Amino acid sequence: MSTSNQTHNHQTIKEWAEKRGGVPARVIGTEINGDEGVLRIHFPEFSKSEDPEEISWEDFFNDFEKDRLDLLYQDHKVNGEQSTFYKVVTRLG
């Protein structure tokens, strides 16, 4: 069975991403009213989309906290393979 986790712990997020080859990034062209743009974790090995703007973990987490976000993520797929599934969501509470 596949389960998901949700966290805003910076170390957990960074370790999860880096273990899978992920790097912090912003989606180019999503800047609105002074907002820096949509945050994402970019997996260059698996990406078929436009190149995002890679940023530092410090910049990523500054915006992550400013916008009160969480990372909803999956460790493994149903078949047991390591998963890169995640979604940046608004933090509750």
Protein backbone atom coordinates (compact mmCIF):
# COMPACT_ATOMS: atom_id res chain seq x y z
CA MET A 1 0.00 0.00 0.00
CA SER A 2 1.20 3.50 -0.85
CA THR A 3 0.90 6.23 1.75
CA SER A 4 1.55 9.94 1.71
CA ASN A 5 3.11 12.19 4.32
CA GLN A 6 2.81 15.91 4.94
CA THR A 7 5.44 18.13 6.54
CA HIS A 8 6.94 21.59 6.70
CA ASN A 9 10.16 20.33 8.32
CA HIS A 10 12.97 21.74 6.20
CA GLN A 11 15.44 18.93 6.85
CA THR A 12 12.87 16.23 6.01
CA ILE A 13 11.95 17.98 2.75
CA LYS A 14 15.56 18.56 1.72
CA GLU A 15 16.59 14.96 2.48
CA TRP A 16 13.56 13.54 0.65
CA ALA A 17 14.27 15.65 -2.45
CA GLU A 18 18.03 15.16 -2.56
CA LYS A 19 17.72 11.38 -2.10
CA ARG A 20 15.75 11.40 -5.37
CA GLY A 21 18.00 13.86 -7.23
CA GLY A 22 15.64 16.80 -6.68
CA VAL A 23 16.66 20.44 -6.46
CA PRO A 24 14.70 23.51 -5.30
CA ALA A 25 13.25 25.62 -8.10
CA ARG A 26 10.63 28.13 -9.20
CA VAL A 27 8.40 27.81 -12.25
CA ILE A 28 9.46 30.45 -14.78
CA GLY A 29 6.66 32.83 -15.77
CA THR A 30 4.53 32.42 -12.62
CA GLU A 31 5.60 35.64 -10.91
CA ILE A 32 2.61 37.78 -9.83
CA ASN A 33 2.49 41.11 -7.95
CA GLY A 34 5.97 40.82 -6.46
CA ASP A 35 5.58 37.11 -5.69
CA GLU A 36 8.71 35.24 -6.75
CA GLY A 37 6.79 32.46 -8.52
CA VAL A 38 5.49 28.96 -7.87
CA LEU A 39 7.84 26.76 -5.85
CA ARG A 40 8.62 23.25 -6.97
CA ILE A 41 11.15 20.50 -6.54
CA HIS A 42 12.76 19.82 -9.89
CA PHE A 43 13.91 16.32 -10.80
CA PRO A 44 16.16 16.92 -13.82
CA GLU A 45 16.50 13.20 -14.51
CA PHE A 46 12.73 12.77 -14.94
CA SER A 47 11.61 16.21 -16.17
CA LYS A 48 9.88 16.59 -19.51
CA SER A 49 8.62 20.12 -18.85
CA GLU A 50 10.23 23.50 -19.37
CA ASP A 51 13.38 24.19 -17.43
CA PRO A 52 12.58 25.76 -14.09
CA GLU A 53 14.76 28.36 -12.41
CA GLU A 54 16.88 26.49 -9.87
CA ILE A 55 17.21 28.36 -6.57
CA SER A 56 18.99 27.81 -3.26
CA TRP A 57 17.39 25.83 -0.45
CA GLU A 58 17.54 29.03 1.61
CA ASP A 59 15.45 30.95 -0.96
CA PHE A 60 13.09 27.99 -1.34
CA PHE A 61 12.43 27.75 2.40
CA ASN A 62 12.15 31.53 2.85
CA ASP A 63 9.26 31.59 0.37
CA PHE A 64 7.92 28.28 1.71
CA GLU A 65 7.57 29.77 5.20
CA LYS A 66 6.38 33.19 3.99
CA ASP A 67 3.50 31.48 2.18
CA ARG A 68 2.89 28.96 5.03
CA LEU A 69 3.27 25.89 2.85
CA ASP A 70 3.63 22.15 3.47
CA LEU A 71 4.97 19.38 1.29
CA LEU A 72 2.64 16.45 0.70
CA TYR A 73 4.84 13.62 -0.54
CA GLN A 74 5.06 9.90 -1.16
CA ASP A 75 8.08 7.79 -0.16
CA HIS A 76 7.31 4.73 -2.27
CA LYS A 77 4.92 3.68 -5.02
CA VAL A 78 2.52 0.75 -4.54
CA ASN A 79 5.07 -1.53 -6.23
CA GLY A 80 7.73 -0.52 -3.69
CA GLU A 81 9.77 1.69 -6.02
CA GLN A 82 10.98 5.04 -4.71
CA SER A 83 8.50 7.80 -5.56
CA THR A 84 9.05 11.39 -6.67
CA PHE A 85 5.37 12.30 -6.22
CA TYR A 86 4.80 15.47 -4.22
CA LYS A 87 2.51 18.46 -4.04
CA VAL A 88 3.12 21.83 -2.40
CA VAL A 89 0.00 22.63 -0.35
CA THR A 90 -1.20 25.36 1.98
CA ARG A 91 -0.42 24.60 5.61
CA LEU A 92 -3.46 24.08 7.80
CA GLY A 93 -3.69 25.56 11.25
